[in-house]
Amino acid sequence: MIRLQREEDKITLSVSELTEKISRVLEREIGIVSVSGEISNYKLHSSGHRYFTLKDGGASISCVLWRGRQLKFNPSDGMKVVVRGSISVFPPRGQYQLDCDTIEPAGMGDLFVAFEALKAKLEAAGYFDSNRKRKIPQIVTKIGVATSPTGAVIRDITTTLERRFPAIQIYFRPTLVQGEGSSDDIVKAIRELNATDAQVIILARGGGSLEDLWSFNEEKTADAIFNSKKPLISAVGHETDFTISDFVADLRAATPTAAAELVSRITQSDFLDNLSDTSSNITKMLMRKINEKKQYLDYMTGTAAFGKLEHHIKTSSLKIDEIQRRIESNLSNKMNELNTSIESKSVLINSLYPLAPLGKGFAIIKRNGKIINKDQSLYDFQKIEIEREKETVFARIEKQLQDELF
C-alpha cells in the first residue's frame, strides 16, 4: 500500500526510481493472472519475440511472449485467446505490459467472424470468380489512384511510375482509408475514377491491424469494386495482409509499389526500344524491296527491247531514292515528337504531385492528422501539427500572446 506523506516528508524521486516503485507494486499486488481477449496488431519479430495487443470492448493491454516460450498454434489478428502471465513495466517508455507465459486459443474474435462470414457470402455470389476478372492492359498510359494524400503510399506509387514510365497520366483521388466514413469515401472514389478515362484503377493503403484495414472488408466496398467498369488493382496492407477487397479486385498486388509496377510492365525504355526496332525493321524491309526493284530494273535495261526505256528507268530510280529519304526523315521526326511529348508529360506529372511543395520548404498544418483549410483560423485550436518534408513538429497556439500584441 502507498502511504501518503506530509509535504515536509516528501522525497524527490528520479523517473527510474518512480518506475521501479510502480513495477514492484504491480507485480506484488497482481501477480500471475489469466486474461481473455482478442488479439490485435500481432507481430512476430525477427528476434523471435512475439508482440501483440489483447483487447475487449472496453480496454486493451500490450503483451509480449518472449522467444523460447512454446506455442501450439499460430496466433493471428482477430483470434480470441486466454493468456497467462504477470504484469511488468518497460522502463524506457514507462509502459506496463502483460509478460505472457502461455497463450491458448479461445475462439475467433468478432471482426474475424464477420470477415469470414462476408467472405463466404460474396464467394457464393460469384464475387471472387476468376472468369469475371479482367486483365490489366499490356500498355497503360492513364491510371486512377485512390489512397490517402499523406504518407508513403502515394509517394511510392508516383515515384515508381516516374522511374518506369513518366509519361503515364495519373488521376489521383485523395481518399479516406481508415476510420469513420472511410468506406463511404472509398466507394465514392471508385465511382469518380470510373468517370475518368483512366484505363485501370489502383486502390491502395499501407499496412495495419484488422481494425485499421476494416474499411476494405465492408460489403459496400466489395460492391463498388465488383461493379467497377474499369479493371481495379487492390494494393492494401503488407504482403501478408488479405482483405475482402483483394479477393474481389481484378488483381491483387502485394504492396502499392508492386501495383505501380504491374501497370507499367512495359517501361518507357522498353517502349522506345520497341519503337526503334520497329523503325529499323521498316527501313530494312523498304531497302530490301528497293534493292529488288533496282536489280529488276538493271536486268531490264540490259535488254535491247527495253533499251529505249533507260532514261525513264533512271528517273524512276531517282524518285525511289527520294521516297526513301522522305520515309527516313519522317520516322526521325516522329521519334523526336514522341520524346518531346514524353518529357512534357513527365514535367506535368511532377507538377501535379500533391506533396511536391514540401520539397520546396513549404509545410502542411494539421490538427489530429487532418489538414486545417484556409477558411479555419489557427486560433480555433490549442494544439496543431506542422508537417514538413522530413519532420513533423507539434505547436501550441498562444492566444494570450496574440491579445498582448494587438
Protein backbone atom coordinates (compact mmCIF):
# COMPACT_ATOMS: atom_id res chain seq x y z
CA MET A 1 0.00 0.00 0.00
CA ILE A 2 1.24 3.51 -0.87
CA ARG A 3 1.38 5.80 2.19
CA LEU A 4 0.59 9.48 1.71
CA GLN A 5 3.30 11.74 3.07
CA ARG A 6 3.12 15.15 4.58
CA GLU A 7 4.60 17.97 2.46
CA GLU A 8 7.72 18.16 4.61
CA ASP A 9 8.25 14.37 4.35
CA LYS A 10 8.10 14.21 0.54
CA ILE A 11 11.15 12.89 -1.28
CA THR A 12 12.01 13.82 -4.86
CA LEU A 13 12.32 10.63 -6.94
CA SER A 14 14.01 10.16 -10.27
CA VAL A 15 11.90 8.80 -13.12
CA SER A 16 13.71 5.47 -12.86
CA GLU A 17 13.03 5.24 -9.13
CA LEU A 18 9.34 6.01 -9.61
CA THR A 19 9.05 3.45 -12.40
CA GLU A 20 10.73 0.83 -10.23
CA LYS A 21 8.27 1.53 -7.38
CA ILE A 22 5.31 1.23 -9.76
CA SER A 23 6.70 -2.02 -11.13
CA ARG A 24 7.09 -3.51 -7.65
CA VAL A 25 3.52 -2.50 -6.70
CA LEU A 26 2.02 -4.02 -9.85
CA GLU A 27 3.99 -7.24 -9.59
CA ARG A 28 3.23 -7.64 -5.86
CA GLU A 29 -0.47 -6.69 -5.98
CA ILE A 30 -1.47 -8.50 -9.20
CA GLY A 31 0.94 -11.44 -9.52
CA ILE A 32 0.22 -14.22 -12.03
CA VAL A 33 -3.11 -13.77 -13.86
CA SER A 34 -5.08 -15.36 -16.69
CA VAL A 35 -6.68 -12.87 -19.08
CA SER A 36 -9.02 -13.45 -22.03
CA GLY A 37 -9.35 -11.12 -25.00
CA GLU A 38 -8.93 -10.68 -28.73
CA ILE A 39 -5.54 -10.41 -30.49
CA SER A 40 -4.78 -7.26 -32.44
CA ASN A 41 -1.60 -5.90 -34.10
CA TYR A 42 0.13 -9.28 -33.84
CA LYS A 43 3.82 -9.20 -34.88
CA LEU A 44 6.46 -11.92 -34.89
CA HIS A 45 9.74 -10.01 -34.60
CA SER A 46 12.91 -11.17 -36.36
CA SER A 47 14.35 -11.74 -32.87
CA GLY A 48 11.75 -14.44 -32.26
CA HIS A 49 9.77 -12.39 -29.70
CA ARG A 50 6.02 -12.02 -30.30
CA TYR A 51 4.26 -8.73 -29.64
CA PHE A 52 0.50 -8.09 -29.73
CA THR A 53 -2.36 -6.20 -28.12
CA LEU A 54 -5.02 -8.00 -26.13
CA LYS A 55 -8.35 -6.18 -26.20
CA ASP A 56 -12.04 -6.40 -25.50
CA GLY A 57 -14.89 -3.94 -25.96
CA GLY A 58 -13.66 -1.57 -23.27
CA ALA A 59 -9.88 -1.71 -22.97
CA SER A 60 -6.60 -3.04 -24.36
CA ILE A 61 -3.19 -4.04 -22.99
CA SER A 62 0.18 -4.62 -24.64
CA CYS A 63 1.50 -8.18 -24.43
CA VAL A 64 4.78 -9.93 -25.15
CA LEU A 65 5.70 -13.61 -25.49
CA TRP A 66 9.48 -13.97 -25.33
CA ARG A 67 11.42 -16.19 -27.69
CA GLY A 68 11.73 -19.76 -26.49
CA ARG A 69 8.27 -19.99 -24.93
CA GLN A 70 6.32 -22.69 -26.74
CA LEU A 71 3.15 -22.24 -28.80
CA LYS A 72 0.86 -25.00 -30.04
CA PHE A 73 -0.85 -22.82 -32.67
CA ASN A 74 -0.21 -19.75 -34.88
CA PRO A 75 -1.82 -16.63 -33.39
CA SER A 76 -3.36 -14.03 -35.71
CA ASP A 77 -5.35 -10.82 -35.53
CA GLY A 78 -8.99 -11.32 -34.55
CA MET A 79 -8.37 -14.56 -32.62
CA LYS A 80 -9.74 -14.88 -29.09
CA VAL A 81 -7.21 -16.27 -26.62
CA VAL A 82 -6.54 -16.81 -22.94
CA VAL A 83 -3.08 -15.70 -21.85
CA ARG A 84 -1.38 -16.43 -18.53
CA GLY A 85 1.41 -14.27 -17.22
CA SER A 86 2.39 -11.37 -15.00
CA ILE A 87 2.39 -7.59 -15.27
CA SER A 88 5.74 -5.97 -15.97
CA VAL A 89 6.86 -2.41 -16.65
CA PHE A 90 9.02 -1.39 -19.60
CA PRO A 91 11.13 1.46 -18.11
CA PRO A 92 12.23 3.26 -21.32
CA ARG A 93 8.61 4.08 -22.16
CA GLY A 94 7.09 3.92 -18.69
CA GLN A 95 4.57 1.41 -20.09
CA TYR A 96 3.15 -1.64 -18.39
CA GLN A 97 2.55 -4.84 -20.32
CA LEU A 98 1.50 -8.43 -19.81
CA ASP A 99 4.51 -10.74 -19.85
CA CYS A 100 2.94 -13.96 -21.18
CA ASP A 101 3.99 -17.45 -20.12
CA THR A 102 1.33 -19.27 -22.18
CA ILE A 103 -1.28 -18.48 -24.84
CA GLU A 104 -4.24 -20.74 -25.53
CA PRO A 105 -6.87 -20.24 -28.28
CA ALA A 106 -10.41 -19.49 -27.10
CA GLY A 107 -12.18 -18.93 -30.42
CA MET A 108 -12.37 -16.31 -33.13
CA GLY A 109 -12.87 -12.60 -32.47
CA ASP A 110 -15.96 -10.72 -33.64
CA LEU A 111 -14.20 -8.94 -36.53
CA PHE A 112 -12.62 -12.17 -37.76
CA VAL A 113 -16.00 -13.93 -37.63
CA ALA A 114 -17.59 -11.05 -39.58
CA PHE A 115 -14.74 -11.18 -42.12
CA GLU A 116 -15.18 -14.92 -42.72
CA ALA A 117 -19.00 -14.59 -42.94
CA LEU A 118 -18.83 -11.85 -45.58
CA LYS A 119 -16.11 -13.70 -47.46
CA ALA A 120 -18.29 -16.83 -47.65
CA LYS A 121 -21.33 -14.78 -48.74
CA LEU A 122 -19.51 -12.97 -51.54
CA GLU A 123 -17.75 -16.12 -52.72
CA ALA A 124 -21.12 -17.85 -53.04
CA ALA A 125 -22.43 -14.85 -55.01
CA GLY A 126 -19.58 -15.14 -57.52
CA TYR A 127 -17.67 -12.03 -56.48
CA PHE A 128 -14.36 -13.93 -56.46
CA ASP A 129 -14.81 -15.91 -59.69
CA SER A 130 -11.69 -15.76 -61.83
CA ASN A 131 -13.67 -15.83 -65.09
CA ARG A 132 -15.24 -12.41 -64.35
CA LYS A 133 -11.92 -10.74 -63.59
CA ARG A 134 -10.44 -8.54 -66.30
CA LYS A 135 -6.82 -8.48 -67.43
CA ILE A 136 -4.74 -5.37 -66.93
CA PRO A 137 -3.89 -3.78 -70.33
CA GLN A 138 -0.37 -4.52 -71.55
CA ILE A 139 0.31 -0.83 -72.22
CA VAL A 140 -1.20 1.64 -69.72
CA THR A 141 -0.91 5.39 -70.25
CA LYS A 142 -3.64 6.61 -67.85
CA ILE A 143 -4.38 5.31 -64.35
CA GLY A 144 -6.60 6.27 -61.42
CA VAL A 145 -5.26 6.11 -57.86
CA ALA A 146 -7.41 6.14 -54.70
CA THR A 147 -5.41 6.39 -51.46
CA SER A 148 -4.54 8.77 -48.63
CA PRO A 149 -2.98 12.08 -49.76
CA THR A 150 -0.39 11.81 -46.98
CA GLY A 151 2.06 9.07 -46.07
CA ALA A 152 4.32 6.80 -48.05
CA VAL A 153 1.76 5.06 -50.30
CA ILE A 154 1.09 7.83 -52.83
CA ARG A 155 4.78 8.72 -52.79
CA ASP A 156 5.79 5.11 -53.52
CA ILE A 157 3.33 4.86 -56.41
CA THR A 158 4.26 8.16 -58.08
CA THR A 159 8.00 7.57 -57.59
CA THR A 160 7.77 4.10 -59.14
CA LEU A 161 5.76 5.34 -62.13
CA GLU A 162 8.08 8.30 -62.64
CA ARG A 163 11.05 5.93 -62.73
CA ARG A 164 9.47 3.31 -65.00
CA PHE A 165 7.19 5.29 -67.34
CA PRO A 166 6.94 9.04 -66.57
CA ALA A 167 4.55 9.61 -69.49
CA ILE A 168 1.75 7.81 -67.60
CA GLN A 169 -1.06 10.21 -66.66
CA ILE A 170 -2.31 9.83 -63.06
CA TYR A 171 -5.82 10.70 -61.89
CA PHE A 172 -5.26 10.98 -58.13
CA ARG A 173 -8.33 10.96 -55.88
CA PRO A 174 -7.35 11.68 -52.21
CA THR A 175 -9.30 9.15 -50.15
CA LEU A 176 -10.02 8.32 -46.50
CA VAL A 177 -8.61 4.83 -45.90
CA GLN A 178 -9.31 4.40 -42.17
CA GLY A 179 -11.83 5.46 -39.56
CA GLU A 180 -15.40 6.74 -39.62
CA GLY A 181 -16.78 7.43 -43.10
CA SER A 182 -13.78 5.88 -44.87
CA SER A 183 -15.70 3.03 -46.55
CA ASP A 184 -18.22 5.53 -47.98
CA ASP A 185 -15.36 7.68 -49.28
CA ILE A 186 -13.69 4.66 -50.89
CA VAL A 187 -16.95 3.83 -52.70
CA LYS A 188 -17.23 7.44 -53.89
CA ALA A 189 -13.59 7.48 -55.03
CA ILE A 190 -14.06 4.33 -57.15
CA ARG A 191 -17.18 5.84 -58.74
CA GLU A 192 -15.40 9.13 -59.53
CA LEU A 193 -12.35 7.40 -61.04
CA ASN A 194 -14.66 5.32 -63.22
CA ALA A 195 -15.90 8.60 -64.70
CA THR A 196 -12.39 9.45 -65.96
CA ASP A 197 -10.66 7.95 -69.00
CA ALA A 198 -8.23 6.01 -66.80
CA GLN A 199 -7.56 2.51 -68.13
CA VAL A 200 -7.10 0.94 -64.68
CA ILE A 201 -7.67 1.92 -61.03
CA ILE A 202 -5.32 1.30 -58.08
CA LEU A 203 -6.94 1.14 -54.63
CA ALA A 204 -4.17 1.30 -52.02
CA ARG A 205 -3.16 1.89 -48.40
CA GLY A 206 -0.37 0.86 -46.04
CA GLY A 207 -0.42 -1.98 -43.56
CA GLY A 208 -2.23 -2.13 -40.23
CA SER A 209 -4.30 -4.23 -37.89
CA LEU A 210 -7.57 -5.91 -38.81
CA GLU A 211 -9.37 -2.87 -37.38
CA ASP A 212 -7.21 -0.44 -39.39
CA LEU A 213 -7.99 -2.26 -42.66
CA TRP A 214 -11.68 -2.80 -41.92
CA SER A 215 -12.93 -0.26 -44.47
CA PHE A 216 -11.65 -2.66 -47.14
CA ASN A 217 -13.67 -5.51 -45.59
CA GLU A 218 -17.04 -3.74 -45.83
CA GLU A 219 -19.70 -5.14 -48.17
CA LYS A 220 -20.29 -1.69 -49.71
CA THR A 221 -16.60 -1.53 -50.67
CA ALA A 222 -16.79 -5.01 -52.23
CA ASP A 223 -19.90 -3.96 -54.21
CA ALA A 224 -18.13 -0.85 -55.55
CA ILE A 225 -15.13 -2.93 -56.70
CA PHE A 226 -17.38 -5.62 -58.22
CA ASN A 227 -19.38 -3.01 -60.16
CA SER A 228 -16.35 -1.03 -61.33
CA LYS A 229 -16.39 -0.56 -65.09
CA LYS A 230 -12.61 -0.41 -65.18
CA PRO A 231 -10.11 -3.08 -64.07
CA LEU A 232 -9.12 -2.50 -60.43
CA ILE A 233 -5.94 -3.48 -58.60
CA SER A 234 -6.14 -3.86 -54.81
CA ALA A 235 -2.89 -2.96 -53.00
CA VAL A 236 -3.98 -2.90 -49.37
CA GLY A 237 -1.68 -3.55 -46.42
CA HIS A 238 1.51 -5.57 -46.35
CA GLU A 239 2.24 -8.71 -48.33
CA THR A 240 0.81 -10.93 -45.57
CA ASP A 241 -2.41 -8.88 -45.18
CA PHE A 242 -5.56 -10.02 -47.01
CA THR A 243 -8.84 -8.11 -47.26
CA ILE A 244 -12.17 -8.67 -48.97
CA SER A 245 -11.08 -6.03 -51.49
CA ASP A 246 -8.16 -8.26 -52.52
CA PHE A 247 -10.48 -11.17 -53.33
CA VAL A 248 -12.99 -9.07 -55.33
CA ALA A 249 -10.45 -6.97 -57.26
CA ASP A 250 -9.36 -7.96 -60.76
CA LEU A 251 -5.80 -8.23 -59.47
CA ARG A 252 -4.18 -8.17 -56.03
CA ALA A 253 -0.78 -6.51 -55.55
CA ALA A 254 1.36 -7.37 -52.53
CA THR A 255 2.27 -3.70 -51.98
CA PRO A 256 1.42 -0.28 -53.51
CA THR A 257 4.85 -0.26 -55.19
CA ALA A 258 4.07 -3.65 -56.76
CA ALA A 259 0.77 -2.22 -58.05
CA ALA A 260 2.63 0.62 -59.77
CA GLU A 261 4.98 -1.91 -61.36
CA LEU A 262 2.04 -4.01 -62.60
CA VAL A 263 0.56 -1.08 -64.53
CA SER A 264 3.95 -0.22 -66.01
CA ARG A 265 5.14 -3.66 -67.10
CA ILE A 266 6.32 -2.07 -70.35
CA THR A 267 8.64 0.74 -69.26
CA GLN A 268 9.47 3.87 -71.18
CA SER A 269 12.80 2.32 -72.12
CA ASP A 270 11.05 -0.81 -73.42
CA PHE A 271 8.62 1.33 -75.41
CA LEU A 272 11.36 3.42 -77.02
CA ASP A 273 13.46 0.32 -77.77
CA ASN A 274 10.45 -1.33 -79.41
CA LEU A 275 9.75 1.80 -81.43
CA SER A 276 13.39 1.94 -82.52
CA ASP A 277 13.32 -1.75 -83.51
CA THR A 278 10.10 -1.24 -85.47
CA SER A 279 11.60 1.73 -87.29
CA SER A 280 14.73 -0.27 -88.10
CA ASN A 281 12.67 -3.23 -89.37
CA ILE A 282 10.56 -0.98 -91.61
CA THR A 283 13.69 0.64 -93.02
CA LYS A 284 15.28 -2.76 -93.71
CA MET A 285 12.10 -4.03 -95.39
CA LEU A 286 11.91 -0.94 -97.61
CA MET A 287 15.59 -1.22 -98.50
CA ARG A 288 15.11 -4.87 -99.46
CA LYS A 289 12.16 -4.01 -101.68
CA ILE A 290 14.05 -1.11 -103.24
CA ASN A 291 17.08 -3.29 -103.97
CA GLU A 292 14.86 -5.95 -105.52
CA LYS A 293 13.30 -3.35 -107.81
CA LYS A 294 16.71 -1.92 -108.71
CA GLN A 295 18.01 -5.36 -109.64
CA TYR A 296 14.97 -5.97 -111.80
CA LEU A 297 15.42 -2.61 -113.48
CA ASP A 298 19.11 -3.28 -114.08
CA TYR A 299 18.19 -6.55 -115.75
CA MET A 300 15.52 -4.98 -117.89
CA THR A 301 17.74 -2.09 -119.02
CA GLY A 302 20.34 -4.58 -120.27
CA THR A 303 17.94 -5.99 -122.88
CA ALA A 304 17.58 -4.49 -126.40
CA ALA A 305 13.80 -4.38 -126.16
CA PHE A 306 13.87 -2.02 -123.17
CA GLY A 307 16.99 -0.04 -124.09
CA LYS A 308 14.91 2.98 -125.03
CA LEU A 309 13.37 2.98 -121.54
CA GLU A 310 16.73 3.55 -119.83
CA HIS A 311 16.06 7.21 -119.29
CA HIS A 312 12.67 6.54 -117.70
CA ILE A 313 14.09 3.82 -115.51
CA LYS A 314 16.84 6.08 -114.18
CA THR A 315 14.26 8.73 -113.44
CA SER A 316 12.14 6.22 -111.54
CA SER A 317 15.17 5.10 -109.57
CA LEU A 318 15.85 8.69 -108.52
CA LYS A 319 12.22 9.04 -107.38
CA ILE A 320 12.52 5.87 -105.32
CA ASP A 321 15.65 7.20 -103.62
CA GLU A 322 13.81 10.43 -102.82
CA ILE A 323 10.91 8.49 -101.31
CA GLN A 324 13.37 6.53 -99.19
CA ARG A 325 14.92 9.75 -97.85
CA ARG A 326 11.46 11.13 -97.03
CA ILE A 327 10.48 7.99 -95.14
CA GLU A 328 13.66 8.09 -93.07
CA SER A 329 13.14 11.81 -92.37
CA ASN A 330 9.50 11.25 -91.30
CA LEU A 331 10.49 8.43 -88.98
CA SER A 332 13.14 10.64 -87.38
CA ASN A 333 10.65 13.49 -86.91
CA LYS A 334 8.09 11.16 -85.32
CA MET A 335 10.71 9.86 -82.87
CA ASN A 336 11.62 13.43 -81.88
CA GLU A 337 7.94 14.35 -81.39
CA LEU A 338 7.35 11.30 -79.18
CA ASN A 339 10.39 12.07 -76.99
CA THR A 340 9.23 15.69 -76.60
CA SER A 341 5.72 14.51 -75.61
CA ILE A 342 7.12 12.10 -73.02
CA GLU A 343 9.32 14.78 -71.48
CA SER A 344 6.43 17.29 -71.25
CA LYS A 345 4.13 14.74 -69.62
CA SER A 346 6.88 13.86 -67.14
CA VAL A 347 7.12 17.53 -66.15
CA LEU A 348 3.31 17.68 -65.79
CA ILE A 349 3.22 14.60 -63.54
CA ASN A 350 5.88 16.09 -61.27
CA SER A 351 3.94 19.37 -61.04
CA LEU A 352 0.73 17.51 -60.05
CA TYR A 353 2.39 15.53 -57.24
CA PRO A 354 0.34 16.64 -54.16
CA LEU A 355 3.29 16.70 -51.77
CA ALA A 356 5.73 18.41 -54.11
CA PRO A 357 5.51 21.80 -52.23
CA LEU A 358 7.04 20.13 -49.17
CA GLY A 359 10.26 19.65 -51.13
CA LYS A 360 10.46 23.44 -51.58
CA GLY A 361 10.32 24.19 -47.88
CA PHE A 362 6.54 24.56 -47.53
CA ALA A 363 4.64 22.90 -44.68
CA ILE A 364 1.16 21.44 -44.05
CA ILE A 365 -0.71 22.49 -40.90
CA LYS A 366 -2.91 19.77 -39.37
CA ARG A 367 -5.00 19.06 -36.31
CA ASN A 368 -5.32 15.42 -35.24
CA GLY A 369 -3.98 14.34 -38.61
CA LYS A 370 -6.49 16.43 -40.62
CA ILE A 371 -5.42 19.40 -42.74
CA ILE A 372 -6.61 22.81 -41.48
CA ASN A 373 -8.04 24.57 -44.53
CA LYS A 374 -7.65 28.24 -45.35
CA ASP A 375 -11.10 29.19 -44.02
CA GLN A 376 -10.29 27.99 -40.49
CA SER A 377 -8.47 30.25 -38.04
CA LEU A 378 -5.48 28.81 -36.21
CA TYR A 379 -6.80 30.48 -33.08
CA ASP A 380 -9.67 27.97 -33.07
CA PHE A 381 -7.16 25.36 -31.90
CA GLN A 382 -4.92 24.91 -28.90
CA LYS A 383 -2.50 22.46 -30.48
CA ILE A 384 -1.52 21.98 -34.11
CA GLU A 385 0.86 19.77 -36.10
CA ILE A 386 3.27 21.27 -38.64
CA GLU A 387 4.40 18.71 -41.23
CA ARG A 388 7.44 19.34 -43.43
CA GLU A 389 9.14 17.02 -45.90
CA LYS A 390 11.37 15.29 -43.34
CA GLU A 391 9.90 16.24 -39.98
CA THR A 392 6.68 16.86 -38.09
CA VAL A 393 6.52 19.15 -35.06
CA PHE A 394 3.73 19.95 -32.61
CA ALA A 395 2.92 23.53 -31.66
CA ARG A 396 0.66 25.24 -29.15
CA ILE A 397 -1.38 28.34 -30.11
CA GLU A 398 -0.83 31.08 -27.52
CA LYS A 399 -3.99 33.21 -27.61
CA GLN A 400 -2.82 35.33 -24.67
CA LEU A 401 0.28 36.43 -26.64
CA GLN A 402 -2.00 37.43 -29.52
CA ASP A 403 -4.02 39.67 -27.19
CA GLU A 404 -0.90 41.32 -25.81
CA LEU A 405 0.49 42.09 -29.29
CA PHE A 406 -2.70 43.61 -30.57
